[in-house]
Structures are given as C-alpha cells and as structure tokens.
Amino acid sequence: MSLPAYLDPLYTAEEMRAADRFAIEECGVDSLALMERAGSGLARAVARVVPSGMVRVVVGGGHNGADGLVAARVLRAQGRGVDVLAVVAPGDLRGDPQTALERLKGASPVRFTPAALVGSAIVVDAMLGTGFEGVPLEPVAGAIAAMNAGSAPIVAADVPSGLNASTGEADGPVVQAALTATNHAPKIGLHVGAGTALAGRIEVVDIGIPPGGPAVATAGLITARARQAASGEAVPTSRAPIVVVSPAQLGHRLGIAEEEVQRRPLQVVRSAAEHTSAVIVLLVARALVAAPGGPIAVSAGPTPAELPTRIDALLETSHDTFAAAAAALAG
C-alpha cells in the first residue's frame, strides 16, 4: 500500500541508497545528473534563506561534499560571493566529488579554519551525508562546533552533519541547521529523536529519481478506538491491538527509563511493536506509529495534544483506520 498524500513516506539511509541505485542502475540516470540537481536545489535553498551576502560552503569528501561544490558553483554564477572550505584535502577527492571540484569556477577550496567563517551571511553544511553513523571525528567535529558557535544561519545538505539519518540519534556534535535541503524525500532521522530540534525547516529537493523504485516501509493500520487506547490499554482489532502511550508509559511497560525512550524513540517504538505484536502510537514531539514487522509513520508536524480524540472522532465515520489516524496527525 502507499501512504496517503498528506503523510509522506520517510526514508532510511539504506532505502535512500536503494533509490539511488534504482535510478542509476535500472533507469540509466547519470549519477552526475543527480548530483547537479541536488546541488542546484541546495543553492536555491540558500538563496531563499539569505538572498545576499557572503556564503561559506563547508564540504567533506563524499557525495554530500559534491552537492556542496555544485551549490557553490551555481551561487557564484548568480553573482554571490562564495568561499569553499574543505575538511578534507581536495586532492583526495575521487569520482563524482572530484568531477564537481573540476567543474567549480573561481577560487579553489581552502582548508577549513574557524576564522574563515567570520563575516558569513550564511553557511552551508555539506560535510557528512545520510550514510554517516557514530561520532564525528576531527576535523569535522571542530568544524561543527565552529559553525554552531557563529551567528550565521546554516543550511544543511541532505541531513545535518553528525545526525544519524535513519534514527535521529546524535552520538556526538551535530550541526544546528536553520534549514535542511534533503534529497528526493524526507529521512526518518530528520523527524525523530534529536533530528526534530536540529534539522530546522525541512525542504525536499527533487533530484530526478524516477517513480517506481523500491518500496519504502509504510505505516501499520490503526484499527481501533484511539480514546480507549490512549489509556494505555491494548484494544483488539481485526489486524492488531493498538496502544497509545507517552514515553513514560512505554518506558514503564518495557522496563527502561523514560529518557531512553526520548533519546531513541524510533528503535524503542519498533521494538515495542515487535515485542507486543501491537500497533504502538508513541506521543513524542512528532508522534510515531509503529506496526509489528517494522512499518512506521511519523507525524508531519508537532503532535497535537488532542490527537487521540481526533482519531476517535474520525473513526466514527471512516472504516479506513490508517487514513483516519494519518489525517489526525496532519491536523
């Protein structure tokens, strides 16, 4: 099944890699064309946030850095002052990032230093992409700290550097973005855990991946009265029970601290759904709905306090219970 139009599918890092492979290997899309569209979309986002003034683009050595190099070229062509600051040696670039560097017009990248950020009107974070997991190391960690300490707004390419795109975890320093220009589709990590506070406004950049690619996990069907479920009582349904819980309630059920639920909401709610064979609605900043077997949905915005009542009211007239729950999430 596909998600309703008002609740976009959210991609994990692996699902995004699969979408890229589908476009390149099965549809014959040139990887450089994807890169150019991503970088051009990033440049448009920069221009919307701050239309004039000095731009500093901080790039890493992977595809995220390549998108940043394209954005720098596009912005320079539009007359913007742009410095490219690299956290890797430019001579170490290979493949598409190397091509992006060769296409760059004007001044070459220089090694990043905190002093190079002085006078920035806006900063672009193009260091670490969706494949990153763990704790950023130097010099990336120092660059993140310097960028966050400055007053210029930051636009992140795809995901803020240091954030786990699949889980929303931040095990070390993470860029605090004003806006994240994410490629092709939103990533789960932008909407859960630390990502809700670090990603800023999220804009999706169409990079030209054709439709018909690998399916993204969809949400479990919510098929019971939400008001009763909100008490923490499992309500039997034709597909699965449903339980609506706060982090404290879910932590108590699983025997873990509420803080652990807040820190790792995606993993915990998935584990709870598997453990209980129930559909779990977790009332965090952006509500999560997880079904046994892994499907999940995330609220597109802040969770309304009256969410259980909204779902209950919609179920009075709708037999499509997932649509009712998703409509309630959408407001």
Protein backbone atom coordinates (compact mmCIF):
# COMPACT_ATOMS: atom_id res chain seq x y z
CA MET A 1 0.00 0.00 0.00
CA SER A 2 1.10 3.61 -0.48
CA LEU A 3 0.92 6.32 2.11
CA PRO A 4 -1.80 8.98 1.84
CA ALA A 5 -0.73 12.17 0.13
CA TYR A 6 -0.83 14.05 3.42
CA LEU A 7 1.75 11.76 5.07
CA ASP A 8 4.92 11.46 3.01
CA PRO A 9 7.00 8.28 3.25
CA LEU A 10 10.19 8.71 5.23
CA TYR A 11 13.40 7.05 4.07
CA THR A 12 16.16 5.33 5.99
CA ALA A 13 19.71 5.70 4.74
CA GLU A 14 19.59 2.24 3.18
CA GLU A 15 16.28 2.97 1.46
CA MET A 16 17.80 6.14 0.02
CA ARG A 17 20.81 4.19 -1.25
CA ALA A 18 18.40 1.73 -2.87
CA ALA A 19 16.55 4.60 -4.57
CA ASP A 20 19.85 5.95 -5.92
CA ARG A 21 20.83 2.50 -7.23
CA PHE A 22 17.43 2.11 -8.87
CA ALA A 23 17.81 5.44 -10.68
CA ILE A 24 21.39 4.80 -11.82
CA GLU A 25 21.47 1.05 -12.49
CA GLU A 26 17.91 0.31 -13.60
CA CYS A 27 16.77 3.60 -15.12
CA GLY A 28 20.08 4.76 -16.59
CA VAL A 29 20.11 8.12 -14.80
CA ASP A 30 23.61 9.61 -14.76
CA SER A 31 24.88 9.95 -11.18
CA LEU A 32 26.32 13.33 -12.15
CA ALA A 33 22.82 14.48 -13.14
CA LEU A 34 21.56 13.54 -9.67
CA MET A 35 24.48 15.46 -8.16
CA GLU A 36 23.79 18.54 -10.28
CA ARG A 37 20.11 18.60 -9.33
CA ALA A 38 20.92 18.12 -5.64
CA GLY A 39 23.48 20.93 -5.66
CA SER A 40 21.23 23.26 -7.63
CA GLY A 41 18.39 22.62 -5.17
CA LEU A 42 20.76 23.33 -2.30
CA ALA A 43 21.75 26.63 -3.93
CA ARG A 44 18.09 27.62 -4.29
CA ALA A 45 17.53 26.90 -0.60
CA VAL A 46 20.48 29.12 0.33
CA ALA A 47 19.13 31.96 -1.79
CA ARG A 48 15.71 31.68 -0.14
CA VAL A 49 17.11 31.78 3.39
CA VAL A 50 19.57 34.65 2.80
CA PRO A 51 19.27 36.27 -0.66
CA SER A 52 22.51 38.26 -0.46
CA GLY A 53 25.82 38.35 1.36
CA MET A 54 28.84 36.10 1.72
CA VAL A 55 28.31 32.34 1.56
CA ARG A 56 30.71 29.85 3.13
CA VAL A 57 30.25 26.26 1.91
CA VAL A 58 31.92 23.68 4.16
CA VAL A 59 32.47 20.45 2.23
CA GLY A 60 33.53 16.91 3.02
CA GLY A 61 34.91 14.25 0.72
CA GLY A 62 31.77 12.30 -0.19
CA HIS A 63 28.64 12.87 -2.24
CA ASN A 64 27.40 15.39 0.31
CA GLY A 65 30.51 17.45 -0.36
CA ALA A 66 29.93 17.11 -4.10
CA ASP A 67 26.45 18.62 -3.68
CA GLY A 68 28.06 21.49 -1.80
CA LEU A 69 30.58 22.09 -4.59
CA VAL A 70 27.78 22.23 -7.16
CA ALA A 71 25.86 24.68 -4.96
CA ALA A 72 28.97 26.86 -4.68
CA ARG A 73 29.38 26.90 -8.47
CA VAL A 74 25.71 27.79 -9.03
CA LEU A 75 25.75 30.57 -6.44
CA ARG A 76 28.94 32.04 -7.90
CA ALA A 77 27.33 32.03 -11.34
CA GLN A 78 24.47 34.05 -9.83
CA GLY A 79 26.92 36.65 -8.57
CA ARG A 80 27.16 35.61 -4.92
CA GLY A 81 30.43 35.75 -3.05
CA VAL A 82 31.24 32.15 -2.10
CA ASP A 83 34.17 30.61 -0.25
CA VAL A 84 34.55 26.84 -0.25
CA LEU A 85 36.10 25.47 2.94
CA ALA A 86 37.15 21.81 2.91
CA VAL A 87 37.54 19.44 5.86
CA VAL A 88 39.43 17.05 3.56
CA ALA A 89 42.35 17.57 1.21
CA PRO A 90 40.87 18.47 -2.21
CA GLY A 91 43.43 16.19 -3.83
CA ASP A 92 41.84 13.22 -2.06
CA LEU A 93 38.51 13.60 -3.89
CA ARG A 94 37.55 10.82 -6.30
CA GLY A 95 34.60 10.00 -8.55
CA ASP A 96 31.65 12.40 -8.63
CA PRO A 97 33.10 14.69 -5.92
CA GLN A 98 36.27 15.06 -7.99
CA THR A 99 34.19 15.94 -11.05
CA ALA A 100 32.26 18.51 -9.02
CA LEU A 101 35.57 20.07 -7.97
CA GLU A 102 36.81 20.17 -11.57
CA ARG A 103 33.61 21.97 -12.61
CA LEU A 104 33.97 24.60 -9.88
CA LYS A 105 34.71 28.06 -11.28
CA GLY A 106 36.65 30.70 -9.39
CA ALA A 107 38.74 30.28 -6.26
CA SER A 108 39.67 26.75 -5.26
CA PRO A 109 38.65 25.28 -1.89
CA VAL A 110 40.85 26.05 1.11
CA ARG A 111 41.22 24.02 4.28
CA PHE A 112 38.63 24.83 6.91
CA THR A 113 39.54 27.06 9.84
CA PRO A 114 37.10 28.66 12.28
CA ALA A 115 38.45 32.10 11.34
CA ALA A 116 37.31 31.55 7.75
CA LEU A 117 33.68 31.74 8.89
CA VAL A 118 33.99 35.34 10.10
CA GLY A 119 31.70 37.65 8.12
CA SER A 120 29.47 34.88 6.75
CA ALA A 121 25.92 35.82 5.86
CA ILE A 122 25.06 32.11 5.62
CA VAL A 123 26.93 28.82 5.97
CA VAL A 124 26.29 25.61 4.03
CA ASP A 125 26.93 22.29 5.78
CA ALA A 126 27.96 19.73 3.14
CA MET A 127 30.27 17.53 5.20
CA LEU A 128 28.53 14.30 6.24
CA GLY A 129 25.59 12.69 4.45
CA THR A 130 22.94 10.05 5.02
CA GLY A 131 25.45 7.22 5.31
CA PHE A 132 27.04 8.64 8.45
CA GLU A 133 26.75 6.79 11.78
CA GLY A 134 28.55 7.31 15.06
CA VAL A 135 30.56 10.24 16.39
CA PRO A 136 32.14 12.86 14.08
CA LEU A 137 35.92 12.98 14.35
CA GLU A 138 38.32 15.85 13.77
CA PRO A 139 38.45 17.98 11.76
CA VAL A 140 34.70 17.59 11.20
CA ALA A 141 33.88 17.81 14.92
CA GLY A 142 35.75 21.10 15.23
CA ALA A 143 34.06 22.46 12.12
CA ILE A 144 30.64 21.59 13.55
CA ALA A 145 31.47 23.39 16.80
CA ALA A 146 32.70 26.48 14.96
CA MET A 147 29.68 26.61 12.67
CA ASN A 148 27.25 26.26 15.58
CA ALA A 149 29.09 28.97 17.53
CA GLY A 150 28.64 31.51 14.74
CA SER A 151 25.67 33.79 14.19
CA ALA A 152 25.09 32.95 10.51
CA PRO A 153 22.20 30.58 9.71
CA ILE A 154 23.21 27.14 8.46
CA VAL A 155 21.64 25.27 5.54
CA ALA A 156 22.37 21.54 5.70
CA ALA A 157 22.76 19.42 2.58
CA ASP A 158 20.50 16.34 2.91
CA VAL A 159 20.99 15.91 6.69
CA PRO A 160 22.80 17.97 9.33
CA SER A 161 26.34 16.63 9.71
CA GLY A 162 26.61 14.31 12.70
CA LEU A 163 22.95 13.24 12.68
CA ASN A 164 22.01 9.61 12.00
CA ALA A 165 19.62 9.89 9.03
CA SER A 166 17.85 6.62 9.88
CA THR A 167 17.33 7.02 13.63
CA GLY A 168 17.65 10.68 14.55
CA GLU A 169 20.41 9.83 17.01
CA ALA A 170 23.18 12.29 17.79
CA ASP A 171 26.06 10.48 19.46
CA GLY A 172 28.39 13.47 19.14
CA PRO A 173 28.35 17.05 17.87
CA VAL A 174 25.71 17.83 15.23
CA VAL A 175 25.18 20.88 13.05
CA GLN A 176 22.25 23.02 14.20
CA ALA A 177 20.57 23.81 10.89
CA ALA A 178 18.09 26.57 10.16
CA LEU A 179 17.01 24.60 7.09
CA THR A 180 17.77 21.14 5.73
CA ALA A 181 17.52 20.67 1.95
CA THR A 182 17.06 16.91 1.81
CA ASN A 183 17.35 14.97 -1.43
CA HIS A 184 14.42 13.10 -3.03
CA ALA A 185 12.38 12.51 0.15
CA PRO A 186 12.42 13.23 3.88
CA LYS A 187 14.63 10.99 6.02
CA ILE A 188 13.28 9.42 9.20
CA GLY A 189 16.11 10.86 11.27
CA LEU A 190 15.01 14.41 10.48
CA HIS A 191 11.67 13.77 12.19
CA VAL A 192 12.56 11.75 15.28
CA GLY A 193 14.95 11.96 18.21
CA ALA A 194 17.48 14.79 18.09
CA GLY A 195 16.59 15.45 14.45
CA THR A 196 13.39 17.26 15.40
CA ALA A 197 15.43 20.01 17.07
CA LEU A 198 18.48 20.03 14.78
CA ALA A 199 17.13 19.87 11.22
CA GLY A 200 15.29 23.20 11.22
CA ARG A 201 12.82 23.68 8.39
CA ILE A 202 12.88 20.72 6.01
CA GLU A 203 12.64 21.18 2.24
CA VAL A 204 12.72 18.29 -0.22
CA VAL A 205 14.87 18.65 -3.35
CA ASP A 206 13.67 16.76 -6.42
CA ILE A 207 16.87 15.24 -7.81
CA GLY A 208 15.21 13.35 -10.66
CA ILE A 209 14.85 9.81 -9.30
CA PRO A 210 12.11 8.22 -11.44
CA PRO A 211 8.98 6.76 -9.84
CA GLY A 212 8.63 3.03 -9.42
CA GLY A 213 11.67 2.41 -7.25
CA PRO A 214 11.99 0.13 -4.22
CA ALA A 215 9.10 0.40 -1.80
CA VAL A 216 9.58 2.33 1.42
CA ALA A 217 8.22 0.84 4.64
CA THR A 218 4.65 2.06 5.18
CA ALA A 219 2.74 2.57 8.38
CA GLY A 220 0.73 -0.09 10.19
CA LEU A 221 -3.04 0.21 10.06
CA ILE A 222 -4.62 1.78 13.13
CA THR A 223 -7.85 -0.14 13.54
CA ALA A 224 -9.32 0.63 16.96
CA ARG A 225 -10.76 3.41 19.10
CA ALA A 226 -7.94 5.77 19.97
CA ARG A 227 -9.60 7.21 23.07
CA GLN A 228 -9.70 3.81 24.75
CA ALA A 229 -6.20 3.03 23.53
CA ALA A 230 -4.90 6.30 24.96
CA SER A 231 -5.42 4.93 28.45
CA GLY A 232 -2.59 2.50 27.75
CA GLU A 233 -4.96 -0.45 27.34
CA ALA A 234 -4.45 -2.65 24.30
CA VAL A 235 -7.59 -2.77 22.17
CA PRO A 236 -8.08 -5.88 19.99
CA THR A 237 -8.68 -5.20 16.30
CA SER A 238 -9.01 -7.26 13.13
CA ARG A 239 -5.29 -6.72 12.41
CA ALA A 240 -3.54 -5.95 15.67
CA PRO A 241 -4.13 -4.31 19.03
CA ILE A 242 -3.39 -0.61 19.29
CA VAL A 243 -1.80 1.16 22.24
CA VAL A 244 -1.32 4.93 22.53
CA VAL A 245 1.36 5.76 25.10
CA SER A 246 3.57 8.52 26.38
CA PRO A 247 7.34 7.95 26.68
CA ALA A 248 6.92 7.39 30.43
CA GLN A 249 4.18 4.79 29.89
CA LEU A 250 6.15 2.97 27.20
CA GLY A 251 9.30 3.03 29.30
CA HIS A 252 7.38 1.52 32.22
CA ARG A 253 5.96 -1.23 30.01
CA LEU A 254 9.39 -2.11 28.63
CA GLY A 255 11.30 -1.69 31.88
CA ILE A 256 13.52 1.13 30.62
CA ALA A 257 13.94 4.77 31.60
CA GLU A 258 11.75 7.44 30.02
CA GLU A 259 14.95 9.23 28.99
CA GLU A 260 15.96 6.22 26.89
CA VAL A 261 12.61 6.33 25.08
CA GLN A 262 13.10 10.03 24.39
CA ARG A 263 16.66 9.51 23.15
CA ARG A 264 15.94 6.52 20.88
CA PRO A 265 12.22 6.78 20.07
CA LEU A 266 12.38 5.08 16.68
CA GLN A 267 14.22 1.99 17.89
CA VAL A 268 12.15 1.73 21.08
CA VAL A 269 8.76 2.03 19.38
CA ARG A 270 9.75 -0.54 16.75
CA SER A 271 10.95 -2.90 19.47
CA ALA A 272 7.73 -2.40 21.41
CA ALA A 273 5.61 -3.19 18.35
CA GLU A 274 7.55 -6.41 17.77
CA HIS A 275 7.52 -7.39 21.44
CA THR A 276 3.78 -6.83 21.92
CA SER A 277 2.53 -7.64 18.39
CA ALA A 278 0.59 -4.40 18.66
CA VAL A 279 0.40 -1.13 16.78
CA ILE A 280 2.11 1.43 19.03
CA VAL A 281 1.37 5.15 18.87
CA LEU A 282 4.10 6.99 20.79
CA LEU A 283 3.22 10.54 21.80
CA VAL A 284 6.56 12.31 21.40
CA ALA A 285 7.23 15.70 19.78
CA ARG A 286 6.17 14.19 16.45
CA ALA A 287 4.02 11.14 17.02
CA LEU A 288 5.34 7.78 15.84
CA VAL A 289 3.11 4.92 14.73
CA ALA A 290 4.82 1.52 14.52
CA ALA A 291 3.33 -1.81 13.50
CA PRO A 292 4.67 -5.33 14.06
CA GLY A 293 7.07 -6.20 11.26
CA GLY A 294 8.68 -2.79 11.02
CA PRO A 295 6.30 -0.40 9.18
CA ILE A 296 6.27 3.07 10.70
CA ALA A 297 4.76 6.51 10.16
CA VAL A 298 5.79 9.85 11.63
CA SER A 299 3.67 12.91 12.18
CA ALA A 300 4.47 15.63 9.65
CA GLY A 301 4.38 18.26 12.40
CA PRO A 302 4.20 18.66 16.17
CA THR A 303 1.90 16.17 17.86
CA PRO A 304 -1.40 17.84 18.81
CA ALA A 305 -2.49 17.30 22.40
CA GLU A 306 -5.92 16.20 21.22
CA LEU A 307 -4.58 13.55 18.81
CA PRO A 308 -6.37 10.54 20.43
CA THR A 309 -9.67 12.42 20.39
CA ARG A 310 -9.14 13.42 16.75
CA ILE A 311 -8.51 9.83 15.72
CA ASP A 312 -11.54 8.65 17.67
CA ALA A 313 -13.79 11.24 16.02
CA LEU A 314 -12.57 10.35 12.53
CA LEU A 315 -13.14 6.66 13.19
CA GLU A 316 -16.81 7.42 13.82
CA THR A 317 -17.30 7.85 10.07
CA SER A 318 -14.33 6.07 8.49
CA HIS A 319 -13.54 2.38 8.15
CA ASP A 320 -10.11 3.23 6.76
CA THR A 321 -8.46 3.49 10.13
CA PHE A 322 -4.95 4.25 8.91
CA ALA A 323 -6.31 7.13 6.84
CA ALA A 324 -8.17 8.39 9.91
CA ALA A 325 -5.05 8.29 12.07
CA ALA A 326 -2.90 9.90 9.38
CA ALA A 327 -5.48 12.64 8.85
CA ALA A 328 -5.47 13.28 12.59
CA LEU A 329 -1.68 13.56 12.56
CA ALA A 330 -1.87 16.01 9.67
CA GLY A 331 -4.33 18.16 11.58
